[in-house]
Amino acid sequence: MASYVEHGAAEVGIAGLDVLREEPRDLYEPLDLGIGRCTVVVAWPKGAPPLPKGVAPRVATKYVSLAARHFARKSIPAEIIELQGSIEVAPSLGLADAIVDITETGETLRANGLGITEKVLEVSARLIVNRVALKLHAERLRRLVTALRAAAAERTGGTC
């Protein structure tokens, strides 16, 4: 959806923060809708011994940029392995030492013998707006954002 909105095929859309931070785009993000909450995490096999000092962990993920930035912030030279789907089986197959993946409850991670060791990013759905459309249809989009903000606040019992 983010590509469609960025390139003008759609004026507005909804995308998860994970998508928006994985591949930054030239979009306006006026509202966190507060739905679709989950977390991008680092998970390691439970009970796995620590890697020898100086050995870069192999990390499987579909979030290559998020993972690389996370480990770089920690000054850990991780080898990032891009995978799509079934990321959680990579350690048990010997492909990776750890994973960076998205989870809502952690149940799939636990079922695959993994434990969450770090949170990378708290995720929720965001309203996204094309920047040109924002200039051309400012009032109409302002009304939309105001209405969605009110609906989100009503749903959560607070303000968004």
N, C-alpha and C. Protein backbone atom coordinates (compact mmCIF):
# COMPACT_ATOMS: atom_id res chain seq x y z
N MET A 1 0.82 -1.19 0.00
CA MET A 1 0.00 0.00 0.00
C MET A 1 0.87 1.25 0.00
N ALA A 2 1.98 1.23 0.72
CA ALA A 2 2.82 2.42 0.82
C ALA A 2 3.32 2.87 -0.56
N SER A 3 3.66 1.93 -1.40
CA SER A 3 4.13 2.28 -2.76
C SER A 3 3.02 2.95 -3.56
N TYR A 4 1.81 2.44 -3.46
CA TYR A 4 0.68 3.01 -4.19
C TYR A 4 0.43 4.46 -3.76
N VAL A 5 0.48 4.69 -2.46
CA VAL A 5 0.23 6.04 -1.95
C VAL A 5 1.41 6.95 -2.30
N GLU A 6 2.62 6.49 -2.12
CA GLU A 6 3.78 7.33 -2.41
C GLU A 6 3.80 7.79 -3.87
N HIS A 7 3.45 6.90 -4.78
CA HIS A 7 3.52 7.20 -6.20
C HIS A 7 2.23 7.76 -6.79
N GLY A 8 1.23 8.01 -5.94
CA GLY A 8 0.03 8.70 -6.37
C GLY A 8 -1.07 7.84 -6.94
N ALA A 9 -0.94 6.52 -6.92
CA ALA A 9 -2.02 5.66 -7.39
C ALA A 9 -3.19 5.70 -6.41
N ALA A 10 -2.89 6.01 -5.16
CA ALA A 10 -3.91 6.22 -4.12
C ALA A 10 -3.51 7.46 -3.34
N GLU A 11 -4.49 8.21 -2.88
CA GLU A 11 -4.19 9.42 -2.11
C GLU A 11 -3.91 9.10 -0.65
N VAL A 12 -4.63 8.11 -0.12
CA VAL A 12 -4.47 7.71 1.28
C VAL A 12 -4.45 6.19 1.35
N GLY A 13 -3.93 5.69 2.46
CA GLY A 13 -3.91 4.26 2.68
C GLY A 13 -3.59 3.98 4.14
N ILE A 14 -3.47 2.71 4.43
CA ILE A 14 -3.11 2.28 5.78
C ILE A 14 -1.95 1.29 5.63
N ALA A 15 -0.92 1.50 6.45
CA ALA A 15 0.24 0.61 6.41
C ALA A 15 0.77 0.45 7.83
N GLY A 16 1.38 -0.69 8.08
CA GLY A 16 1.99 -0.94 9.37
C GLY A 16 3.29 -0.17 9.51
N LEU A 17 3.60 0.22 10.73
CA LEU A 17 4.83 0.97 10.98
C LEU A 17 6.05 0.15 10.58
N ASP A 18 5.97 -1.18 10.68
CA ASP A 18 7.10 -2.02 10.27
C ASP A 18 7.42 -1.81 8.80
N VAL A 19 6.40 -1.75 7.96
CA VAL A 19 6.58 -1.54 6.52
C VAL A 19 7.15 -0.15 6.27
N LEU A 20 6.64 0.83 6.98
CA LEU A 20 7.07 2.22 6.78
C LEU A 20 8.51 2.45 7.24
N ARG A 21 8.95 1.73 8.26
CA ARG A 21 10.32 1.91 8.75
C ARG A 21 11.32 0.99 8.05
N GLU A 22 10.84 -0.10 7.50
CA GLU A 22 11.74 -1.00 6.77
C GLU A 22 12.25 -0.32 5.50
N GLU A 23 11.36 0.30 4.79
CA GLU A 23 11.73 0.96 3.54
C GLU A 23 11.13 2.36 3.56
N PRO A 24 11.87 3.32 4.12
CA PRO A 24 11.32 4.67 4.26
C PRO A 24 10.82 5.24 2.92
N ARG A 25 9.72 5.94 3.01
CA ARG A 25 9.08 6.50 1.82
C ARG A 25 8.73 7.95 2.09
N ASP A 26 8.48 8.66 1.01
CA ASP A 26 8.12 10.07 1.11
C ASP A 26 6.60 10.18 1.26
N LEU A 27 6.15 9.98 2.48
CA LEU A 27 4.72 9.99 2.81
C LEU A 27 4.49 10.83 4.05
N TYR A 28 3.29 11.31 4.19
CA TYR A 28 2.85 11.98 5.40
C TYR A 28 2.13 10.93 6.24
N GLU A 29 2.46 10.84 7.52
CA GLU A 29 1.85 9.88 8.45
C GLU A 29 1.11 10.66 9.54
N PRO A 30 -0.11 11.10 9.25
CA PRO A 30 -0.79 11.97 10.21
C PRO A 30 -1.39 11.28 11.43
N LEU A 31 -1.54 9.94 11.39
CA LEU A 31 -2.30 9.32 12.47
C LEU A 31 -1.89 7.88 12.71
N ASP A 32 -1.62 7.58 13.96
CA ASP A 32 -1.47 6.19 14.42
C ASP A 32 -2.89 5.73 14.73
N LEU A 33 -3.37 4.74 13.99
CA LEU A 33 -4.75 4.28 14.17
C LEU A 33 -4.92 3.41 15.42
N GLY A 34 -3.81 2.98 16.00
CA GLY A 34 -3.89 2.22 17.25
C GLY A 34 -4.44 0.81 17.09
N ILE A 35 -4.44 0.30 15.87
CA ILE A 35 -4.93 -1.07 15.62
C ILE A 35 -3.79 -1.89 15.03
N GLY A 36 -3.97 -3.20 15.05
CA GLY A 36 -2.95 -4.08 14.48
C GLY A 36 -1.66 -4.06 15.26
N ARG A 37 -1.75 -3.89 16.57
CA ARG A 37 -0.54 -3.77 17.39
C ARG A 37 0.23 -5.09 17.45
N CYS A 38 1.51 -4.98 17.25
CA CYS A 38 2.43 -6.10 17.38
C CYS A 38 3.83 -5.53 17.57
N THR A 39 4.83 -6.40 17.61
CA THR A 39 6.19 -5.96 17.89
C THR A 39 7.17 -6.70 16.99
N VAL A 40 8.13 -5.96 16.46
CA VAL A 40 9.26 -6.58 15.77
C VAL A 40 10.27 -6.89 16.85
N VAL A 41 10.71 -8.15 16.91
CA VAL A 41 11.57 -8.62 18.00
C VAL A 41 12.79 -9.36 17.48
N VAL A 42 13.77 -9.49 18.35
CA VAL A 42 14.89 -10.40 18.14
C VAL A 42 14.59 -11.63 18.99
N ALA A 43 14.70 -12.81 18.39
CA ALA A 43 14.45 -14.05 19.13
C ALA A 43 15.58 -15.04 18.87
N TRP A 44 15.98 -15.72 19.94
CA TRP A 44 17.05 -16.72 19.89
C TRP A 44 16.47 -18.05 20.38
N PRO A 45 17.07 -19.16 19.98
CA PRO A 45 16.64 -20.44 20.53
C PRO A 45 16.82 -20.46 22.04
N LYS A 46 15.81 -20.93 22.74
CA LYS A 46 15.90 -21.03 24.20
C LYS A 46 17.00 -22.01 24.57
N GLY A 47 17.81 -21.61 25.53
CA GLY A 47 18.88 -22.47 26.02
C GLY A 47 20.11 -22.55 25.13
N ALA A 48 20.14 -21.78 24.05
CA ALA A 48 21.32 -21.81 23.17
C ALA A 48 22.50 -21.16 23.88
N PRO A 49 23.68 -21.76 23.76
CA PRO A 49 24.86 -21.13 24.38
C PRO A 49 25.20 -19.83 23.66
N PRO A 50 25.82 -18.90 24.36
CA PRO A 50 26.21 -17.66 23.70
C PRO A 50 27.25 -17.94 22.60
N LEU A 51 27.25 -17.09 21.59
CA LEU A 51 28.23 -17.24 20.52
C LEU A 51 29.62 -16.89 21.06
N PRO A 52 30.64 -17.52 20.52
CA PRO A 52 32.01 -17.17 20.95
C PRO A 52 32.28 -15.69 20.69
N LYS A 53 33.09 -15.09 21.53
CA LYS A 53 33.43 -13.67 21.39
C LYS A 53 34.01 -13.41 20.00
N GLY A 54 33.51 -12.37 19.37
CA GLY A 54 34.01 -11.99 18.05
C GLY A 54 33.30 -12.65 16.89
N VAL A 55 32.36 -13.57 17.17
CA VAL A 55 31.61 -14.23 16.10
C VAL A 55 30.32 -13.44 15.85
N ALA A 56 30.14 -13.02 14.61
CA ALA A 56 28.94 -12.27 14.25
C ALA A 56 27.75 -13.23 14.15
N PRO A 57 26.64 -12.90 14.79
CA PRO A 57 25.48 -13.78 14.68
C PRO A 57 24.89 -13.72 13.28
N ARG A 58 24.37 -14.85 12.83
CA ARG A 58 23.61 -14.91 11.58
C ARG A 58 22.15 -14.72 11.97
N VAL A 59 21.51 -13.71 11.37
CA VAL A 59 20.16 -13.33 11.76
C VAL A 59 19.25 -13.41 10.53
N ALA A 60 18.24 -14.26 10.60
CA ALA A 60 17.28 -14.41 9.50
C ALA A 60 16.12 -13.45 9.72
N THR A 61 15.66 -12.82 8.63
CA THR A 61 14.57 -11.85 8.75
C THR A 61 14.06 -11.44 7.39
N LYS A 62 12.83 -10.93 7.36
CA LYS A 62 12.35 -10.24 6.18
C LYS A 62 12.56 -8.74 6.35
N TYR A 63 12.92 -8.33 7.55
CA TYR A 63 13.17 -6.93 7.88
C TYR A 63 14.67 -6.63 7.83
N VAL A 64 15.24 -6.68 6.66
CA VAL A 64 16.69 -6.55 6.50
C VAL A 64 17.18 -5.19 7.02
N SER A 65 16.53 -4.12 6.62
CA SER A 65 16.97 -2.78 7.04
C SER A 65 16.78 -2.56 8.53
N LEU A 66 15.61 -2.93 9.06
CA LEU A 66 15.37 -2.78 10.49
C LEU A 66 16.38 -3.58 11.31
N ALA A 67 16.63 -4.81 10.90
CA ALA A 67 17.58 -5.66 11.63
C ALA A 67 18.99 -5.09 11.55
N ALA A 68 19.41 -4.69 10.37
CA ALA A 68 20.76 -4.15 10.20
C ALA A 68 20.95 -2.90 11.06
N ARG A 69 19.96 -2.00 11.06
CA ARG A 69 20.06 -0.79 11.87
C ARG A 69 20.06 -1.12 13.37
N HIS A 70 19.26 -2.10 13.76
CA HIS A 70 19.20 -2.49 15.18
C HIS A 70 20.56 -2.99 15.66
N PHE A 71 21.14 -3.91 14.91
CA PHE A 71 22.43 -4.46 15.35
C PHE A 71 23.55 -3.44 15.21
N ALA A 72 23.48 -2.56 14.21
CA ALA A 72 24.50 -1.51 14.06
C ALA A 72 24.46 -0.55 15.26
N ARG A 73 23.24 -0.20 15.74
CA ARG A 73 23.12 0.68 16.91
C ARG A 73 23.79 0.05 18.13
N LYS A 74 23.79 -1.26 18.16
CA LYS A 74 24.40 -1.97 19.29
C LYS A 74 25.86 -2.33 19.03
N SER A 75 26.38 -1.90 17.87
CA SER A 75 27.75 -2.20 17.45
C SER A 75 28.02 -3.70 17.37
N ILE A 76 27.01 -4.43 16.90
CA ILE A 76 27.14 -5.88 16.69
C ILE A 76 27.16 -6.13 15.19
N PRO A 77 28.25 -6.66 14.67
CA PRO A 77 28.35 -6.90 13.22
C PRO A 77 27.62 -8.18 12.79
N ALA A 78 26.31 -8.11 12.76
CA ALA A 78 25.49 -9.29 12.43
C ALA A 78 25.48 -9.53 10.92
N GLU A 79 25.41 -10.81 10.56
CA GLU A 79 25.19 -11.20 9.17
C GLU A 79 23.68 -11.36 9.00
N ILE A 80 23.10 -10.54 8.16
CA ILE A 80 21.65 -10.54 7.96
C ILE A 80 21.32 -11.41 6.76
N ILE A 81 20.43 -12.39 6.98
CA ILE A 81 20.00 -13.31 5.92
C ILE A 81 18.54 -13.00 5.62
N GLU A 82 18.27 -12.58 4.40
CA GLU A 82 16.89 -12.23 4.03
C GLU A 82 16.09 -13.49 3.72
N LEU A 83 14.96 -13.62 4.39
CA LEU A 83 14.02 -14.71 4.16
C LEU A 83 12.61 -14.13 4.05
N GLN A 84 11.75 -14.85 3.39
CA GLN A 84 10.33 -14.49 3.33
C GLN A 84 9.53 -15.70 3.80
N GLY A 85 8.77 -15.54 4.87
CA GLY A 85 7.93 -16.62 5.37
C GLY A 85 8.68 -17.63 6.20
N SER A 86 8.03 -18.15 7.21
CA SER A 86 8.57 -19.18 8.11
C SER A 86 9.95 -18.83 8.64
N ILE A 87 10.15 -17.60 8.99
CA ILE A 87 11.44 -17.13 9.54
C ILE A 87 11.80 -17.91 10.79
N GLU A 88 10.79 -18.25 11.59
CA GLU A 88 11.04 -18.86 12.90
C GLU A 88 11.68 -20.24 12.83
N VAL A 89 11.69 -20.88 11.67
CA VAL A 89 12.34 -22.20 11.58
C VAL A 89 13.82 -22.10 11.22
N ALA A 90 14.30 -20.93 10.86
CA ALA A 90 15.70 -20.77 10.42
C ALA A 90 16.71 -21.26 11.46
N PRO A 91 16.57 -20.94 12.75
CA PRO A 91 17.56 -21.46 13.71
C PRO A 91 17.54 -22.98 13.83
N SER A 92 16.36 -23.58 13.84
CA SER A 92 16.29 -25.05 14.00
C SER A 92 16.85 -25.78 12.78
N LEU A 93 16.88 -25.11 11.63
CA LEU A 93 17.45 -25.71 10.42
C LEU A 93 18.93 -25.39 10.26
N GLY A 94 19.49 -24.63 11.20
CA GLY A 94 20.91 -24.30 11.15
C GLY A 94 21.23 -23.15 10.20
N LEU A 95 20.22 -22.49 9.68
CA LEU A 95 20.45 -21.38 8.75
C LEU A 95 20.85 -20.10 9.48
N ALA A 96 20.36 -19.91 10.70
CA ALA A 96 20.62 -18.68 11.43
C ALA A 96 20.75 -18.97 12.92
N ASP A 97 21.42 -18.05 13.60
CA ASP A 97 21.54 -18.16 15.06
C ASP A 97 20.32 -17.55 15.75
N ALA A 98 19.75 -16.54 15.11
CA ALA A 98 18.63 -15.80 15.69
C ALA A 98 17.76 -15.29 14.56
N ILE A 99 16.63 -14.69 14.93
CA ILE A 99 15.75 -14.10 13.93
C ILE A 99 15.31 -12.71 14.39
N VAL A 100 14.90 -11.91 13.43
CA VAL A 100 14.16 -10.67 13.69
C VAL A 100 12.85 -10.86 12.95
N ASP A 101 11.75 -10.84 13.71
CA ASP A 101 10.44 -11.09 13.10
C ASP A 101 9.38 -10.31 13.86
N ILE A 102 8.20 -10.31 13.29
CA ILE A 102 7.08 -9.61 13.91
C ILE A 102 6.23 -10.62 14.67
N THR A 103 5.73 -10.21 15.82
CA THR A 103 4.90 -11.10 16.62
C THR A 103 3.83 -10.29 17.35
N GLU A 104 2.70 -10.93 17.52
CA GLU A 104 1.63 -10.31 18.31
C GLU A 104 1.63 -10.90 19.72
N THR A 105 1.67 -12.23 19.81
CA THR A 105 1.61 -12.88 21.12
C THR A 105 2.88 -13.65 21.48
N GLY A 106 3.71 -13.95 20.50
CA GLY A 106 4.91 -14.74 20.75
C GLY A 106 4.67 -16.24 20.69
N GLU A 107 3.43 -16.65 20.44
CA GLU A 107 3.09 -18.07 20.45
C GLU A 107 3.85 -18.87 19.39
N THR A 108 3.95 -18.35 18.17
CA THR A 108 4.67 -19.07 17.11
C THR A 108 6.15 -19.17 17.46
N LEU A 109 6.69 -18.14 18.05
CA LEU A 109 8.10 -18.19 18.47
C LEU A 109 8.29 -19.29 19.52
N ARG A 110 7.44 -19.30 20.54
CA ARG A 110 7.54 -20.32 21.59
C ARG A 110 7.37 -21.72 21.01
N ALA A 111 6.44 -21.88 20.07
CA ALA A 111 6.22 -23.19 19.46
C ALA A 111 7.44 -23.69 18.70
N ASN A 112 8.29 -22.77 18.31
CA ASN A 112 9.51 -23.14 17.58
C ASN A 112 10.75 -23.06 18.46
N GLY A 113 10.54 -23.04 19.78
CA GLY A 113 11.67 -23.07 20.72
C GLY A 113 12.45 -21.78 20.82
N LEU A 114 11.83 -20.66 20.44
CA LEU A 114 12.51 -19.37 20.47
C LEU A 114 12.00 -18.51 21.62
N GLY A 115 12.88 -17.68 22.12
CA GLY A 115 12.49 -16.73 23.15
C GLY A 115 12.86 -15.32 22.71
N ILE A 116 12.01 -14.38 23.03
CA ILE A 116 12.27 -12.98 22.69
C ILE A 116 13.34 -12.43 23.61
N THR A 117 14.38 -11.84 23.00
CA THR A 117 15.45 -11.26 23.80
C THR A 117 15.48 -9.74 23.72
N GLU A 118 14.91 -9.19 22.65
CA GLU A 118 14.90 -7.73 22.49
C GLU A 118 13.70 -7.30 21.67
N LYS A 119 13.24 -6.10 21.94
CA LYS A 119 12.22 -5.47 21.11
C LYS A 119 12.92 -4.49 20.18
N VAL A 120 12.57 -4.57 18.90
CA VAL A 120 13.16 -3.68 17.91
C VAL A 120 12.24 -2.50 17.63
N LEU A 121 10.93 -2.78 17.49
CA LEU A 121 9.98 -1.75 17.10
C LEU A 121 8.57 -2.14 17.51
N GLU A 122 7.87 -1.24 18.20
CA GLU A 122 6.45 -1.42 18.48
C GLU A 122 5.70 -0.97 17.23
N VAL A 123 4.77 -1.80 16.76
CA VAL A 123 4.11 -1.58 15.48
C VAL A 123 2.61 -1.41 15.67
N SER A 124 2.02 -0.54 14.87
CA SER A 124 0.58 -0.42 14.74
C SER A 124 0.30 0.13 13.35
N ALA A 125 -0.97 0.12 12.97
CA ALA A 125 -1.35 0.61 11.65
C ALA A 125 -1.37 2.13 11.64
N ARG A 126 -0.89 2.70 10.56
CA ARG A 126 -0.81 4.16 10.40
C ARG A 126 -1.58 4.59 9.17
N LEU A 127 -2.24 5.73 9.28
CA LEU A 127 -2.83 6.36 8.10
C LEU A 127 -1.69 7.03 7.36
N ILE A 128 -1.61 6.78 6.05
CA ILE A 128 -0.57 7.41 5.24
C ILE A 128 -1.23 8.22 4.13
N VAL A 129 -0.60 9.35 3.78
CA VAL A 129 -1.16 10.26 2.80
C VAL A 129 -0.08 10.67 1.81
N ASN A 130 -0.44 10.70 0.55
CA ASN A 130 0.46 11.18 -0.50
C ASN A 130 0.69 12.67 -0.29
N ARG A 131 1.93 13.10 -0.36
CA ARG A 131 2.27 14.50 -0.07
C ARG A 131 1.66 15.47 -1.09
N VAL A 132 1.59 15.09 -2.35
CA VAL A 132 0.97 15.96 -3.36
C VAL A 132 -0.53 16.06 -3.10
N ALA A 133 -1.16 14.94 -2.81
CA ALA A 133 -2.60 14.96 -2.51
C ALA A 133 -2.88 15.84 -1.29
N LEU A 134 -1.97 15.81 -0.33
CA LEU A 134 -2.14 16.63 0.87
C LEU A 134 -2.22 18.11 0.50
N LYS A 135 -1.43 18.53 -0.46
CA LYS A 135 -1.45 19.94 -0.89
C LYS A 135 -2.68 20.24 -1.75
N LEU A 136 -3.03 19.31 -2.62
CA LEU A 136 -4.15 19.54 -3.53
C LEU A 136 -5.52 19.43 -2.86
N HIS A 137 -5.61 18.57 -1.85
CA HIS A 137 -6.90 18.29 -1.19
C HIS A 137 -6.77 18.45 0.33
N ALA A 138 -6.12 19.49 0.76
CA ALA A 138 -5.81 19.67 2.18
C ALA A 138 -7.04 19.64 3.07
N GLU A 139 -8.07 20.35 2.71
CA GLU A 139 -9.26 20.42 3.57
C GLU A 139 -9.97 19.08 3.65
N ARG A 140 -10.15 18.43 2.53
CA ARG A 140 -10.82 17.12 2.51
C ARG A 140 -10.02 16.11 3.34
N LEU A 141 -8.71 16.10 3.21
CA LEU A 141 -7.88 15.17 3.97
C LEU A 141 -7.84 15.54 5.45
N ARG A 142 -7.89 16.83 5.76
CA ARG A 142 -7.94 17.24 7.16
C ARG A 142 -9.21 16.71 7.82
N ARG A 143 -10.33 16.78 7.09
CA ARG A 143 -11.60 16.26 7.63
C ARG A 143 -11.51 14.74 7.84
N LEU A 144 -10.91 14.05 6.89
CA LEU A 144 -10.74 12.60 7.03
C LEU A 144 -9.90 12.26 8.25
N VAL A 145 -8.78 12.93 8.41
CA VAL A 145 -7.90 12.67 9.55
C VAL A 145 -8.62 12.98 10.85
N THR A 146 -9.35 14.08 10.90
CA THR A 146 -10.10 14.46 12.10
C THR A 146 -11.14 13.40 12.44
N ALA A 147 -11.86 12.91 11.44
CA ALA A 147 -12.88 11.89 11.68
C ALA A 147 -12.25 10.58 12.15
N LEU A 148 -11.16 10.19 11.53
CA LEU A 148 -10.49 8.94 11.94
C LEU A 148 -9.89 9.08 13.34
N ARG A 149 -9.35 10.24 13.64
CA ARG A 149 -8.79 10.47 14.98
C ARG A 149 -9.89 10.36 16.03
N ALA A 150 -11.04 10.92 15.74
CA ALA A 150 -12.18 10.85 16.68
C ALA A 150 -12.64 9.41 16.85
N ALA A 151 -12.73 8.67 15.75
CA ALA A 151 -13.16 7.27 15.83
C ALA A 151 -12.16 6.44 16.62
N ALA A 152 -10.86 6.69 16.39
CA ALA A 152 -9.84 5.94 17.12
C ALA A 152 -9.89 6.28 18.60
N ALA A 153 -10.11 7.54 18.92
CA ALA A 153 -10.19 7.95 20.33
C ALA A 153 -11.41 7.34 21.00
N GLU A 154 -12.53 7.29 20.29
CA GLU A 154 -13.76 6.69 20.82
C GLU A 154 -13.55 5.20 21.10
N ARG A 155 -12.87 4.53 20.17
CA ARG A 155 -12.62 3.10 20.31
C ARG A 155 -11.71 2.82 21.51
N THR A 156 -10.71 3.66 21.73
CA THR A 156 -9.77 3.43 22.81
C THR A 156 -10.15 4.11 24.12
N GLY A 157 -11.15 4.99 24.03
CA GLY A 157 -11.56 5.70 25.25
C GLY A 157 -10.60 6.82 25.63
N GLY A 158 -9.78 7.23 24.69
CA GLY A 158 -8.82 8.33 24.98
C GLY A 158 -8.54 9.11 23.72
N THR A 159 -7.41 9.73 23.72
CA THR A 159 -7.03 10.52 22.55
C THR A 159 -5.94 9.80 21.78
N CYS A 160 -5.89 10.09 20.51
CA CYS A 160 -4.86 9.50 19.64
C CYS A 160 -4.00 10.59 19.07
